[in-house]
Amino acid sequence: MDPVATMKDYYQRYHPKKVYGYVMADRKKQLAAGAVVLILIVALFVGVTGPSGDDGGPATMDDLLMSQSYRTQAEQDGSVVVSDDDPFFAIMATPVAVHYEETGEMLATPLLVAGDTPSITVKRFLQAYNHPTTIAIGALGDLSVPKSFTILEEDVKHTSLTVAETFWTSCDGAMIVPQTKEGYDLAVAAAPLASYLDIPIIVTDEICSGVKDTLGSLGVKYTVCIGDTAGYGKEFHIRTLTEAQDTIAEFIKSPMGLAGEVEYLTLANPQDIVPMDVTDTIDFSFQDQIYAHGTQDSGVAGTTPAPAPDAVNYRFEIPSDWEYTNVHFNLKFRANQMAEELGSRIYVFVSDGNEEVNGAPALEVFFGTPAGRIEGEYRVVDFDLALNNDTGPHLMELSAREIWSGSPPGRYGIITADPETVYLNVQVQRLSNSVYPLMGSISSMAPYLTAYRKGIVMADPSYALKSPSYQGCVACGEPTFDAEAMSAANVKAMEVHNETVRTLARLVGADSEDLMEDHSALNELADHYYYNPVSVGIIADTNMVPHYYFPGGEVSEGLGEPGDIIYGDINMNPVAPPHDVGDGRIHPEYPDLELPVG
């Protein structure tokens, strides 16, 4: 007999919820006679009070813990693909794709996001996954595999109602999310609760007759209401990020809930559903011949190649009344004959055009082309540069470089190569706002990942790097190329780090107002998570959840060494990064990383 299987069967049979059910079953038999009398009394009031689901007062954690659901199993042995037309599709699909049984056992199916033209990645996954059921929610293009069925109604609200009716036969609860930006912001953190409770998510601004019909047909007794939105039956409101986290953590830990521990912390930014808003553009196009110049690696950290004396020079200009600007560069060139031996690249230096080229211009950015993509015989690099309150002319210098360490390559140390044609297209874009994502709407997947890992979510628009306050950084560009911007980015990253630490402290009852200044308490908290780690997942780009820029330690192109390991170091010393405020366990001079970050 397999002892592991035996213990699992025992746990599932005698799970606290089931034991409670057995006890209550006996008690129900004893009270059956009295119930018959009460039915007659209750019947007198039904016509006056209406259905029990309309207004049941406040719900409590006990209502959530005793919640039961029954599913159609329509999603079983398959995958769910939702449309990228609206991020609420992924939110409502979260409890469809991953949910927990009353015994605490998780059941999950893959959840993917696609659009009118699904990516090759999505198609290849579905082909490799090769399961018989593929469910589509929203409008989708060809997935390369047959769709079992598609749920597509006239709007998000009615789609969510159909989703509830399709995947649940009955459920004690439902989550009500208003179809607003504020509703989405909070739903990113609260939606995992729907998976833990195994209840549907209804996206609606009002409890209309159609919503009542669906909830009534499912037997809903309570609703988890996001924000101040109205509910159905008993109402359990979640109005803040902290309330969402604490409610979920309590449910996970409760013996009547999942009877476990919080194992995962997801960082996300719901602001990523608001795309870059370009209100005006100016285009510049340049084409020229360029020669390669040999450059030896200096071996000094942070050193960058300087523009060559005969570099190709161009200018672009930002109008004086543009407050927020994004400059998009598209560089296209053919690598020379010695590209494989020399690692050929082209550098584009961008500096303030008001200063002389051979003077000391403020270098705002440069980028090279070891990366990029291949298009036929060309290498193509796309690059975006944020310039806030930085108007007027800007100078660009193009230099081709061959970079090596040690002795120069080639016969007699001489590099010879024919000139190559380079194409540079620059679009200066006027923005209505400085905050924009590099990867749109990926926060909509944070609830699914979190529920799958049995965790909680930290999600707030204030995490954005280039928020209007930006810590007083008025005329900043990219942190990698702007010392002031790098400093501001580090302040913002430390704010998010500190909130992460306090969230983790709250999980173990160790939070306090002065926690971040109490080195002893920080070290104790770090010790706890060193032996009981919680994994951290960042579902955001670096505009939405910023990197921290550590002092450079290797030869690099730009200022500092950006990284997200700060979110895995509970007691990092902000005045002496990356060191801890206490001695490291592995080595006293090196920091410990208590949390795996990815």
Foldseek 3Di string as FASTA:
>chain_A
DDPVVVVLVVLLCVQPLNVVVVVVVVVCVVCVVVVVVVVVVVVVCCVPPDDLFAEAEADDLVLLLNKDFAWPCLCPQEEEEEEPPDLVRLLQCQLVAWAAHQSLDIDGHYYYYAYQDGDPVQLVVRVVSPTDAYEYEADYHDSVDDHPYYQYDPDQQVSQLVVQVHITQAIQEEEEFEPDLLSLLQSLFQSLSCRQSSHGYGYHQACDPVNVVSNVSRNHQEYEYEAPGDDIHHYNYDDDSVSSAVSLQCQCCDSSGSVHGAFAEEEEASVLQDAWAFDDKDKDKDKDWAFEDEDEDPFDAQDDDDFDPPWDKDKDFFDQPFFKKKKKKKKKWADWPCCVVQVKKKKKWKFAPVDDPPDDTQTQDMDIQSDADDDPRMGIDMDMKIWGSRGTMMMITMHIYGYDYDQQDDPPNDDDTGIIMMMMMMMMTRTPANAHAPDHSLSSCSSNVSSVRSHGYDYYQQLFCPHPPLVVPRGHMDLQRGVVSLVSLQVSLVVVLQVLLQSLCVSVVLHDPCCLVPQVSQVVSLVVLLVVPRAYEYRGDCRRHNWHFAQTDGHDHGGGDTDNLSNQARQADSVDPPDGPAADPVGRGDGDRSYHYD
